[in-house]
């Protein structure tokens, strides 16, 4: 049995880098337009990620793998694309929150405080605990780490669907059109 399969690493790195840069530019645009990362517009980055996973998986299947890709390889490729995109975005988040705009952490805490105060079921004790947890998560390092976890998780879910759509297994027996 032959196992000469094209590596998914290089195509995943290329497409993940493209997706990462596109998502980074979109996030930077949101921050500059004062939309911040609190609105539903931030979820459009996952649309960019889905498009990159689809294009990357389809190109790999059609150009590097002879027109065939198993479900498992498609899932692995999509998840790897997500990982590379997430690393680029995590570096951006870390640099942005830590050096470019460290005041965003204060804005995050302030908006969280307002949301908690507007909740009629929130007691002062629960509000204090919620704010202390928010302070832990609203740091550049933890935010960057959560970016990686979030991108890879969502990318995995997207890849489950895209791998099922694009899967095309090699036939077990090659048939020829010429008969003797």
N, C-alpha and C. Protein backbone atom coordinates (compact mmCIF):
# COMPACT_ATOMS: atom_id res chain seq x y z
N UNK A 1 0.84 -1.18 0.00
CA UNK A 1 0.00 0.00 0.00
C UNK A 1 0.88 1.24 0.00
N UNK A 2 0.63 2.13 -0.93
CA UNK A 2 1.41 3.36 -1.05
C UNK A 2 0.86 4.43 -0.13
N UNK A 3 1.76 5.11 0.57
CA UNK A 3 1.33 6.18 1.46
C UNK A 3 1.99 7.50 1.11
N UNK A 4 2.37 7.67 -0.16
CA UNK A 4 2.95 8.94 -0.60
C UNK A 4 1.85 9.98 -0.72
N UNK A 5 1.65 10.71 0.34
CA UNK A 5 0.63 11.76 0.33
C UNK A 5 1.32 13.10 0.48
N UNK A 6 0.77 14.08 -0.19
CA UNK A 6 1.32 15.44 -0.08
C UNK A 6 1.13 15.94 1.35
N UNK A 7 2.10 16.67 1.84
CA UNK A 7 2.03 17.22 3.19
C UNK A 7 1.02 18.36 3.23
N UNK A 8 0.27 18.42 4.32
CA UNK A 8 -0.71 19.49 4.48
C UNK A 8 -0.11 20.72 5.18
N UNK A 9 1.10 20.59 5.68
CA UNK A 9 1.68 21.67 6.48
C UNK A 9 1.92 22.95 5.68
N UNK A 10 2.59 22.86 4.54
CA UNK A 10 2.89 24.07 3.77
C UNK A 10 1.62 24.74 3.26
N UNK A 11 0.68 24.01 2.64
CA UNK A 11 -0.56 24.68 2.21
C UNK A 11 -1.33 25.28 3.39
N UNK A 12 -1.31 24.62 4.53
CA UNK A 12 -2.00 25.16 5.71
C UNK A 12 -1.31 26.42 6.21
N UNK A 13 0.01 26.43 6.16
CA UNK A 13 0.76 27.62 6.59
C UNK A 13 0.46 28.80 5.68
N UNK A 14 0.44 28.55 4.38
CA UNK A 14 0.17 29.63 3.42
C UNK A 14 -1.24 30.17 3.61
N UNK A 15 -2.24 29.29 3.58
CA UNK A 15 -3.63 29.74 3.69
C UNK A 15 -3.93 30.28 5.09
N UNK A 16 -3.34 29.69 6.12
CA UNK A 16 -3.51 30.19 7.47
C UNK A 16 -2.92 31.58 7.64
N UNK A 17 -1.77 31.81 6.98
CA UNK A 17 -1.15 33.13 7.04
C UNK A 17 -2.01 34.18 6.34
N UNK A 18 -2.56 33.81 5.20
CA UNK A 18 -3.44 34.73 4.47
C UNK A 18 -4.68 35.04 5.34
N UNK A 19 -5.30 33.99 5.89
CA UNK A 19 -6.48 34.19 6.73
C UNK A 19 -6.14 35.02 7.96
N UNK A 20 -4.99 34.74 8.56
CA UNK A 20 -4.57 35.48 9.74
C UNK A 20 -4.38 36.96 9.47
N UNK A 21 -3.76 37.27 8.34
CA UNK A 21 -3.52 38.67 7.99
C UNK A 21 -4.84 39.37 7.66
N UNK A 22 -5.73 38.69 6.93
CA UNK A 22 -7.03 39.29 6.60
C UNK A 22 -7.82 39.55 7.89
N UNK A 23 -7.85 38.58 8.79
CA UNK A 23 -8.56 38.77 10.07
C UNK A 23 -7.91 39.86 10.91
N UNK A 24 -6.60 39.93 10.89
CA UNK A 24 -5.87 40.96 11.62
C UNK A 24 -6.22 42.35 11.08
N UNK A 25 -6.21 42.50 9.76
CA UNK A 25 -6.54 43.79 9.16
C UNK A 25 -7.98 44.18 9.46
N UNK A 26 -8.88 43.22 9.41
CA UNK A 26 -10.28 43.50 9.72
C UNK A 26 -10.43 43.92 11.19
N UNK A 27 -9.76 43.22 12.09
CA UNK A 27 -9.81 43.58 13.51
C UNK A 27 -9.23 44.97 13.75
N UNK A 28 -8.13 45.28 13.08
CA UNK A 28 -7.53 46.60 13.22
C UNK A 28 -8.49 47.67 12.73
N UNK A 29 -9.19 47.39 11.64
CA UNK A 29 -10.18 48.32 11.12
C UNK A 29 -11.31 48.54 12.12
N UNK A 30 -11.75 47.47 12.77
CA UNK A 30 -12.80 47.60 13.79
C UNK A 30 -12.32 48.47 14.96
N UNK A 31 -11.11 48.23 15.41
CA UNK A 31 -10.58 49.01 16.53
C UNK A 31 -10.43 50.48 16.15
N UNK A 32 -9.95 50.74 14.94
CA UNK A 32 -9.75 52.13 14.52
C UNK A 32 -11.08 52.86 14.32
N UNK A 33 -12.12 52.11 13.95
CA UNK A 33 -13.42 52.75 13.72
C UNK A 33 -14.21 52.89 15.02
N UNK A 34 -13.58 52.59 16.13
CA UNK A 34 -14.19 52.70 17.46
C UNK A 34 -15.32 51.71 17.67
N UNK A 35 -15.42 50.70 16.80
CA UNK A 35 -16.42 49.65 17.01
C UNK A 35 -15.97 48.71 18.12
N UNK A 36 -14.68 48.76 18.40
CA UNK A 36 -14.02 47.89 19.37
C UNK A 36 -14.35 46.44 19.06
N UNK A 37 -14.13 45.57 19.98
CA UNK A 37 -14.35 44.15 19.72
C UNK A 37 -15.59 43.65 20.43
N UNK A 38 -16.49 44.56 20.79
CA UNK A 38 -17.64 44.13 21.57
C UNK A 38 -18.86 43.87 20.73
N UNK A 39 -18.91 44.40 19.52
CA UNK A 39 -20.09 44.24 18.68
C UNK A 39 -20.08 42.91 17.95
N UNK A 40 -21.18 42.66 17.28
CA UNK A 40 -21.30 41.41 16.54
C UNK A 40 -20.46 41.42 15.26
N UNK A 41 -19.95 42.57 14.87
CA UNK A 41 -19.10 42.65 13.68
C UNK A 41 -17.82 41.83 13.83
N UNK A 42 -17.39 41.59 15.05
CA UNK A 42 -16.14 40.83 15.26
C UNK A 42 -16.28 39.38 14.78
N UNK A 43 -17.51 38.88 14.69
CA UNK A 43 -17.71 37.49 14.27
C UNK A 43 -17.50 37.30 12.78
N UNK A 44 -17.39 38.39 12.04
CA UNK A 44 -17.12 38.29 10.61
C UNK A 44 -15.74 37.68 10.38
N UNK A 45 -14.84 37.79 11.35
CA UNK A 45 -13.53 37.16 11.19
C UNK A 45 -13.67 35.65 11.01
N UNK A 46 -14.69 35.07 11.61
CA UNK A 46 -14.91 33.63 11.44
C UNK A 46 -15.40 33.30 10.03
N UNK A 47 -16.09 34.24 9.41
CA UNK A 47 -16.47 34.07 8.01
C UNK A 47 -15.22 34.04 7.14
N UNK A 48 -14.28 34.97 7.40
CA UNK A 48 -13.01 34.97 6.67
C UNK A 48 -12.27 33.65 6.87
N UNK A 49 -12.29 33.16 8.10
CA UNK A 49 -11.63 31.90 8.40
C UNK A 49 -12.28 30.74 7.64
N UNK A 50 -13.61 30.72 7.60
CA UNK A 50 -14.34 29.67 6.88
C UNK A 50 -14.01 29.69 5.39
N UNK A 51 -13.94 30.88 4.83
CA UNK A 51 -13.59 31.01 3.41
C UNK A 51 -12.18 30.49 3.16
N UNK A 52 -11.25 30.83 4.03
CA UNK A 52 -9.87 30.36 3.88
C UNK A 52 -9.78 28.84 4.01
N UNK A 53 -10.52 28.27 4.94
CA UNK A 53 -10.52 26.82 5.10
C UNK A 53 -11.10 26.15 3.86
N UNK A 54 -12.19 26.69 3.34
CA UNK A 54 -12.80 26.11 2.15
C UNK A 54 -11.84 26.18 0.96
N UNK A 55 -11.30 27.37 0.70
CA UNK A 55 -10.40 27.54 -0.45
C UNK A 55 -9.15 26.69 -0.28
N UNK A 56 -8.56 26.70 0.92
CA UNK A 56 -7.35 25.93 1.16
C UNK A 56 -7.57 24.43 0.99
N UNK A 57 -8.68 23.93 1.50
CA UNK A 57 -8.98 22.50 1.39
C UNK A 57 -9.27 22.11 -0.05
N UNK A 58 -10.04 22.93 -0.74
CA UNK A 58 -10.37 22.64 -2.14
C UNK A 58 -9.13 22.69 -3.02
N UNK A 59 -8.28 23.70 -2.83
CA UNK A 59 -7.05 23.79 -3.61
C UNK A 59 -6.14 22.61 -3.34
N UNK A 60 -6.01 22.22 -2.08
CA UNK A 60 -5.17 21.08 -1.74
C UNK A 60 -5.71 19.82 -2.41
N UNK A 61 -7.01 19.60 -2.30
CA UNK A 61 -7.62 18.41 -2.90
C UNK A 61 -7.39 18.39 -4.40
N UNK A 62 -7.64 19.50 -5.06
CA UNK A 62 -7.61 19.52 -6.52
C UNK A 62 -6.21 19.62 -7.11
N UNK A 63 -5.29 20.31 -6.42
CA UNK A 63 -3.98 20.56 -7.01
C UNK A 63 -2.84 19.74 -6.42
N UNK A 64 -2.93 19.34 -5.17
CA UNK A 64 -1.82 18.65 -4.52
C UNK A 64 -2.12 17.18 -4.24
N UNK A 65 -3.38 16.83 -4.28
CA UNK A 65 -3.74 15.48 -3.85
C UNK A 65 -4.49 14.70 -4.94
N UNK A 66 -4.30 15.10 -6.18
CA UNK A 66 -4.86 14.35 -7.30
C UNK A 66 -6.39 14.35 -7.36
N UNK A 67 -7.01 15.35 -6.78
CA UNK A 67 -8.47 15.43 -6.83
C UNK A 67 -9.18 14.69 -5.71
N UNK A 68 -8.39 14.15 -4.78
CA UNK A 68 -8.98 13.37 -3.69
C UNK A 68 -8.52 13.90 -2.34
N UNK A 69 -9.38 13.84 -1.36
CA UNK A 69 -9.01 14.16 0.02
C UNK A 69 -9.95 13.40 0.94
N UNK A 70 -9.38 12.75 1.93
CA UNK A 70 -10.22 12.02 2.90
C UNK A 70 -10.82 13.02 3.89
N UNK A 71 -11.83 12.57 4.59
CA UNK A 71 -12.46 13.43 5.59
C UNK A 71 -11.45 13.83 6.66
N UNK A 72 -10.64 12.87 7.11
CA UNK A 72 -9.67 13.13 8.18
C UNK A 72 -8.62 14.14 7.74
N UNK A 73 -8.11 14.01 6.51
CA UNK A 73 -7.10 14.98 6.03
C UNK A 73 -7.71 16.36 5.84
N UNK A 74 -8.94 16.41 5.36
CA UNK A 74 -9.63 17.70 5.22
C UNK A 74 -9.83 18.37 6.57
N UNK A 75 -10.20 17.57 7.55
CA UNK A 75 -10.39 18.09 8.91
C UNK A 75 -9.06 18.57 9.48
N UNK A 76 -8.01 17.79 9.29
CA UNK A 76 -6.69 18.18 9.78
C UNK A 76 -6.17 19.43 9.11
N UNK A 77 -6.36 19.52 7.79
CA UNK A 77 -5.91 20.69 7.04
C UNK A 77 -6.64 21.94 7.52
N UNK A 78 -7.95 21.86 7.65
CA UNK A 78 -8.73 23.02 8.10
C UNK A 78 -8.35 23.46 9.50
N UNK A 79 -8.13 22.51 10.38
CA UNK A 79 -7.75 22.83 11.75
C UNK A 79 -6.36 23.46 11.79
N UNK A 80 -5.46 22.96 10.96
CA UNK A 80 -4.11 23.52 10.89
C UNK A 80 -4.13 24.94 10.31
N UNK A 81 -4.98 25.18 9.31
CA UNK A 81 -5.15 26.54 8.79
C UNK A 81 -5.59 27.46 9.93
N UNK A 82 -6.54 26.99 10.73
CA UNK A 82 -7.04 27.77 11.86
C UNK A 82 -5.94 28.06 12.88
N UNK A 83 -5.10 27.08 13.13
CA UNK A 83 -4.01 27.26 14.09
C UNK A 83 -3.06 28.35 13.62
N UNK A 84 -2.64 28.29 12.35
CA UNK A 84 -1.71 29.30 11.85
C UNK A 84 -2.36 30.69 11.85
N UNK A 85 -3.63 30.77 11.47
CA UNK A 85 -4.33 32.06 11.50
C UNK A 85 -4.44 32.58 12.93
N UNK A 86 -4.67 31.67 13.87
CA UNK A 86 -4.83 32.08 15.27
C UNK A 86 -3.53 32.61 15.86
N UNK A 87 -2.42 32.03 15.47
CA UNK A 87 -1.13 32.48 15.99
C UNK A 87 -0.85 33.92 15.54
N UNK A 88 -1.12 34.21 14.27
CA UNK A 88 -0.93 35.57 13.77
C UNK A 88 -1.83 36.54 14.54
N UNK A 89 -3.08 36.16 14.74
CA UNK A 89 -4.01 37.04 15.45
C UNK A 89 -3.66 37.17 16.92
N UNK A 90 -3.15 36.11 17.53
CA UNK A 90 -2.77 36.17 18.94
C UNK A 90 -1.59 37.13 19.13
N UNK A 91 -0.64 37.11 18.22
CA UNK A 91 0.48 38.04 18.29
C UNK A 91 -0.03 39.48 18.18
N UNK A 92 -0.96 39.69 17.25
CA UNK A 92 -1.56 41.02 17.10
C UNK A 92 -2.28 41.46 18.38
N UNK A 93 -3.09 40.58 18.94
CA UNK A 93 -3.83 40.91 20.16
C UNK A 93 -2.86 41.28 21.29
N UNK A 94 -1.82 40.48 21.43
CA UNK A 94 -0.84 40.73 22.49
C UNK A 94 -0.16 42.10 22.31
N UNK A 95 0.29 42.37 21.09
CA UNK A 95 0.97 43.64 20.82
C UNK A 95 -0.01 44.81 20.96
N UNK A 96 -1.23 44.64 20.45
CA UNK A 96 -2.21 45.72 20.52
C UNK A 96 -2.58 46.05 21.96
N UNK A 97 -2.91 45.02 22.74
CA UNK A 97 -3.34 45.25 24.12
C UNK A 97 -2.18 45.63 25.04
N UNK A 98 -1.01 45.11 24.74
CA UNK A 98 0.13 45.36 25.62
C UNK A 98 0.90 46.63 25.33
N UNK A 99 0.95 47.03 24.04
CA UNK A 99 1.83 48.14 23.68
C UNK A 99 1.14 49.26 22.89
N UNK A 100 0.34 48.91 21.92
CA UNK A 100 -0.28 49.94 21.06
C UNK A 100 -1.39 50.67 21.80
N UNK A 101 -2.29 49.92 22.43
CA UNK A 101 -3.43 50.52 23.11
C UNK A 101 -3.70 49.83 24.44
N UNK A 102 -2.81 49.99 25.42
CA UNK A 102 -3.04 49.31 26.71
C UNK A 102 -4.27 49.85 27.45
N UNK A 103 -4.77 51.00 27.04
CA UNK A 103 -5.96 51.57 27.68
C UNK A 103 -7.24 50.80 27.32
N UNK A 104 -7.15 49.93 26.33
CA UNK A 104 -8.33 49.15 25.95
C UNK A 104 -8.75 48.24 27.10
N UNK A 105 -7.80 47.84 27.92
CA UNK A 105 -8.13 46.99 29.06
C UNK A 105 -9.05 47.74 30.01
N UNK A 106 -8.78 49.02 30.24
CA UNK A 106 -9.66 49.83 31.09
C UNK A 106 -11.05 49.95 30.48
N UNK A 107 -11.11 50.08 29.15
CA UNK A 107 -12.41 50.17 28.46
C UNK A 107 -13.19 48.86 28.60
N UNK A 108 -12.48 47.74 28.49
CA UNK A 108 -13.12 46.43 28.65
C UNK A 108 -13.69 46.30 30.05
N UNK A 109 -12.90 46.67 31.04
CA UNK A 109 -13.36 46.58 32.43
C UNK A 109 -14.53 47.52 32.68
N UNK A 110 -14.47 48.70 32.11
CA UNK A 110 -15.56 49.68 32.28
C UNK A 110 -16.86 49.17 31.65
N UNK A 111 -16.76 48.63 30.44
CA UNK A 111 -17.97 48.11 29.77
C UNK A 111 -18.52 46.90 30.51
N UNK A 112 -17.65 46.06 31.03
CA UNK A 112 -18.10 44.92 31.81
C UNK A 112 -18.82 45.38 33.07
N UNK A 113 -18.26 46.37 33.74
CA UNK A 113 -18.87 46.94 34.96
C UNK A 113 -20.28 47.46 34.65
N UNK A 114 -20.43 48.16 33.53
CA UNK A 114 -21.74 48.71 33.15
C UNK A 114 -22.73 47.58 32.87
N UNK A 115 -22.29 46.56 32.14
CA UNK A 115 -23.19 45.43 31.84
C UNK A 115 -23.63 44.72 33.12
N UNK A 116 -22.69 44.53 34.02
CA UNK A 116 -23.03 43.86 35.28
C UNK A 116 -23.97 44.71 36.12
N UNK A 117 -23.74 46.02 36.16
CA UNK A 117 -24.57 46.92 36.96
C UNK A 117 -26.00 46.99 36.42
N UNK A 118 -26.15 46.79 35.12
CA UNK A 118 -27.48 46.83 34.51
C UNK A 118 -28.27 45.54 34.69
N UNK A 119 -27.64 44.52 35.21
CA UNK A 119 -28.31 43.25 35.45
C UNK A 119 -29.01 43.31 36.81
N UNK A 120 -30.35 43.21 36.84
CA UNK A 120 -31.07 43.34 38.11
C UNK A 120 -30.82 42.17 39.07
N UNK A 121 -30.35 41.05 38.57
CA UNK A 121 -30.10 39.87 39.41
C UNK A 121 -28.69 39.85 40.00
N UNK A 122 -27.91 40.86 39.70
CA UNK A 122 -26.51 40.89 40.12
C UNK A 122 -26.37 41.49 41.51
N UNK A 123 -25.86 40.68 42.43
CA UNK A 123 -25.59 41.19 43.77
C UNK A 123 -24.19 41.81 43.79
N UNK A 124 -23.90 42.69 44.74
CA UNK A 124 -22.56 43.30 44.80
C UNK A 124 -21.44 42.26 44.94
N UNK A 125 -21.71 41.18 45.68
CA UNK A 125 -20.68 40.15 45.87
C UNK A 125 -20.37 39.45 44.55
N UNK A 126 -21.44 39.09 43.82
CA UNK A 126 -21.24 38.41 42.53
C UNK A 126 -20.57 39.36 41.54
N UNK A 127 -20.96 40.63 41.60
CA UNK A 127 -20.36 41.61 40.71
C UNK A 127 -18.86 41.76 40.98
N UNK A 128 -18.47 41.78 42.24
CA UNK A 128 -17.04 41.86 42.58
C UNK A 128 -16.27 40.65 42.07
N UNK A 129 -16.86 39.46 42.24
CA UNK A 129 -16.20 38.25 41.75
C UNK A 129 -16.09 38.26 40.23
N UNK A 130 -17.17 38.68 39.56
CA UNK A 130 -17.15 38.74 38.10
C UNK A 130 -16.09 39.72 37.60
N UNK A 131 -15.97 40.84 38.28
CA UNK A 131 -14.95 41.82 37.88
C UNK A 131 -13.54 41.30 38.13
N UNK A 132 -13.34 40.56 39.20
CA UNK A 132 -12.00 40.03 39.46
C UNK A 132 -11.62 38.98 38.41
N UNK A 133 -12.59 38.19 37.98
CA UNK A 133 -12.32 37.21 36.91
C UNK A 133 -12.05 37.94 35.60
N UNK A 134 -12.83 38.98 35.31
CA UNK A 134 -12.63 39.76 34.10
C UNK A 134 -11.24 40.38 34.08
N UNK A 135 -10.74 40.84 35.23
CA UNK A 135 -9.40 41.43 35.30
C UNK A 135 -8.33 40.41 34.96
N UNK A 136 -8.56 39.15 35.32
CA UNK A 136 -7.60 38.09 34.99
C UNK A 136 -7.58 37.85 33.48
N UNK A 137 -8.79 37.80 32.88
CA UNK A 137 -8.88 37.49 31.46
C UNK A 137 -8.57 38.69 30.56
N UNK A 138 -8.65 39.88 31.07
CA UNK A 138 -8.41 41.09 30.26
C UNK A 138 -6.95 41.52 30.34
N UNK A 139 -6.06 40.56 30.14
CA UNK A 139 -4.64 40.86 30.06
C UNK A 139 -4.16 40.48 28.66
N UNK A 140 -3.10 41.09 28.18
CA UNK A 140 -2.62 40.76 26.83
C UNK A 140 -2.31 39.28 26.65
N UNK A 141 -1.62 38.67 27.61
CA UNK A 141 -1.23 37.26 27.45
C UNK A 141 -2.45 36.34 27.42
N UNK A 142 -3.35 36.51 28.37
CA UNK A 142 -4.53 35.64 28.43
C UNK A 142 -5.43 35.88 27.22
N UNK A 143 -5.57 37.13 26.81
CA UNK A 143 -6.38 37.42 25.62
C UNK A 143 -5.77 36.77 24.37
N UNK A 144 -4.45 36.80 24.24
CA UNK A 144 -3.79 36.16 23.11
C UNK A 144 -3.99 34.65 23.16
N UNK A 145 -3.86 34.08 24.34
CA UNK A 145 -4.07 32.64 24.51
C UNK A 145 -5.51 32.26 24.16
N UNK A 146 -6.46 33.05 24.61
CA UNK A 146 -7.87 32.78 24.30
C UNK A 146 -8.16 32.97 22.82
N UNK A 147 -7.42 33.84 22.16
CA UNK A 147 -7.57 34.00 20.72
C UNK A 147 -7.19 32.71 20.01
N UNK A 148 -6.09 32.11 20.43
CA UNK A 148 -5.67 30.84 19.83
C UNK A 148 -6.72 29.77 20.08
N UNK A 149 -7.14 29.63 21.31
CA UNK A 149 -8.13 28.60 21.65
C UNK A 149 -9.42 28.82 20.87
N UNK A 150 -9.89 30.06 20.83
CA UNK A 150 -11.14 30.37 20.14
C UNK A 150 -11.06 30.10 18.65
N UNK A 151 -9.99 30.58 18.00
CA UNK A 151 -9.84 30.38 16.56
C UNK A 151 -9.75 28.89 16.23
N UNK A 152 -8.96 28.15 16.98
CA UNK A 152 -8.79 26.73 16.68
C UNK A 152 -10.09 25.97 16.92
N UNK A 153 -10.81 26.30 17.98
CA UNK A 153 -12.08 25.63 18.26
C UNK A 153 -13.10 25.91 17.15
N UNK A 154 -13.27 27.18 16.81
CA UNK A 154 -14.23 27.53 15.75
C UNK A 154 -13.76 26.96 14.41
N UNK A 155 -12.46 27.03 14.16
CA UNK A 155 -11.91 26.47 12.93
C UNK A 155 -12.13 24.97 12.84
N UNK A 156 -12.03 24.28 13.96
CA UNK A 156 -12.29 22.84 13.99
C UNK A 156 -13.74 22.55 13.63
N UNK A 157 -14.67 23.30 14.20
CA UNK A 157 -16.09 23.12 13.91
C UNK A 157 -16.36 23.41 12.43
N UNK A 158 -15.80 24.50 11.92
CA UNK A 158 -15.96 24.83 10.50
C UNK A 158 -15.36 23.73 9.63
N UNK A 159 -14.20 23.22 10.04
CA UNK A 159 -13.51 22.18 9.27
C UNK A 159 -14.30 20.88 9.26
N UNK A 160 -15.02 20.58 10.33
CA UNK A 160 -15.87 19.39 10.34
C UNK A 160 -16.87 19.44 9.18
N UNK A 161 -17.45 20.60 8.97
CA UNK A 161 -18.46 20.77 7.93
C UNK A 161 -17.81 20.80 6.54
N UNK A 162 -16.75 21.59 6.40
CA UNK A 162 -16.11 21.74 5.09
C UNK A 162 -15.46 20.44 4.64
N UNK A 163 -14.86 19.70 5.56
CA UNK A 163 -14.26 18.41 5.19
C UNK A 163 -15.32 17.44 4.70
N UNK A 164 -16.50 17.48 5.30
CA UNK A 164 -17.59 16.61 4.85
C UNK A 164 -18.06 17.00 3.45
N UNK A 165 -18.08 18.30 3.16
CA UNK A 165 -18.53 18.78 1.85
C UNK A 165 -17.51 18.46 0.76
N UNK A 166 -16.23 18.66 1.05
CA UNK A 166 -15.19 18.51 0.03
C UNK A 166 -14.55 17.13 -0.02
N UNK A 167 -14.90 16.26 0.88
CA UNK A 167 -14.31 14.92 0.92
C UNK A 167 -14.55 14.19 -0.40
N UNK A 168 -13.51 13.58 -0.89
CA UNK A 168 -13.60 12.77 -2.11
C UNK A 168 -12.53 11.70 -1.99
N UNK A 169 -12.96 10.50 -1.60
CA UNK A 169 -12.02 9.40 -1.40
C UNK A 169 -11.62 8.78 -2.73
N UNK A 170 -10.39 8.28 -2.77
CA UNK A 170 -9.92 7.55 -3.94
C UNK A 170 -10.71 6.26 -4.05
N UNK A 171 -11.02 5.86 -5.27
CA UNK A 171 -11.71 4.58 -5.42
C UNK A 171 -10.78 3.43 -4.99
N UNK A 172 -11.38 2.42 -4.42
CA UNK A 172 -10.59 1.28 -3.96
C UNK A 172 -9.97 0.56 -5.15
N UNK A 173 -10.74 0.38 -6.19
CA UNK A 173 -10.25 -0.29 -7.39
C UNK A 173 -10.30 0.69 -8.54
N UNK A 174 -9.17 0.87 -9.17
CA UNK A 174 -9.12 1.73 -10.35
C UNK A 174 -9.69 0.94 -11.52
N UNK A 175 -10.65 1.49 -12.20
CA UNK A 175 -11.23 0.82 -13.38
C UNK A 175 -10.72 1.51 -14.62
N UNK A 176 -10.56 0.74 -15.66
CA UNK A 176 -10.12 1.33 -16.93
C UNK A 176 -11.27 1.25 -17.91
N UNK A 177 -11.30 2.19 -18.84
CA UNK A 177 -12.38 2.23 -19.82
C UNK A 177 -12.15 1.25 -20.96
N UNK A 178 -10.92 0.76 -21.10
CA UNK A 178 -10.64 -0.18 -22.18
C UNK A 178 -10.75 -1.59 -21.65
N UNK A 179 -11.53 -2.39 -22.34
CA UNK A 179 -11.67 -3.81 -21.96
C UNK A 179 -11.02 -4.67 -22.99
N UNK A 180 -10.43 -5.79 -22.58
CA UNK A 180 -9.74 -6.68 -23.51
C UNK A 180 -10.66 -7.61 -24.20
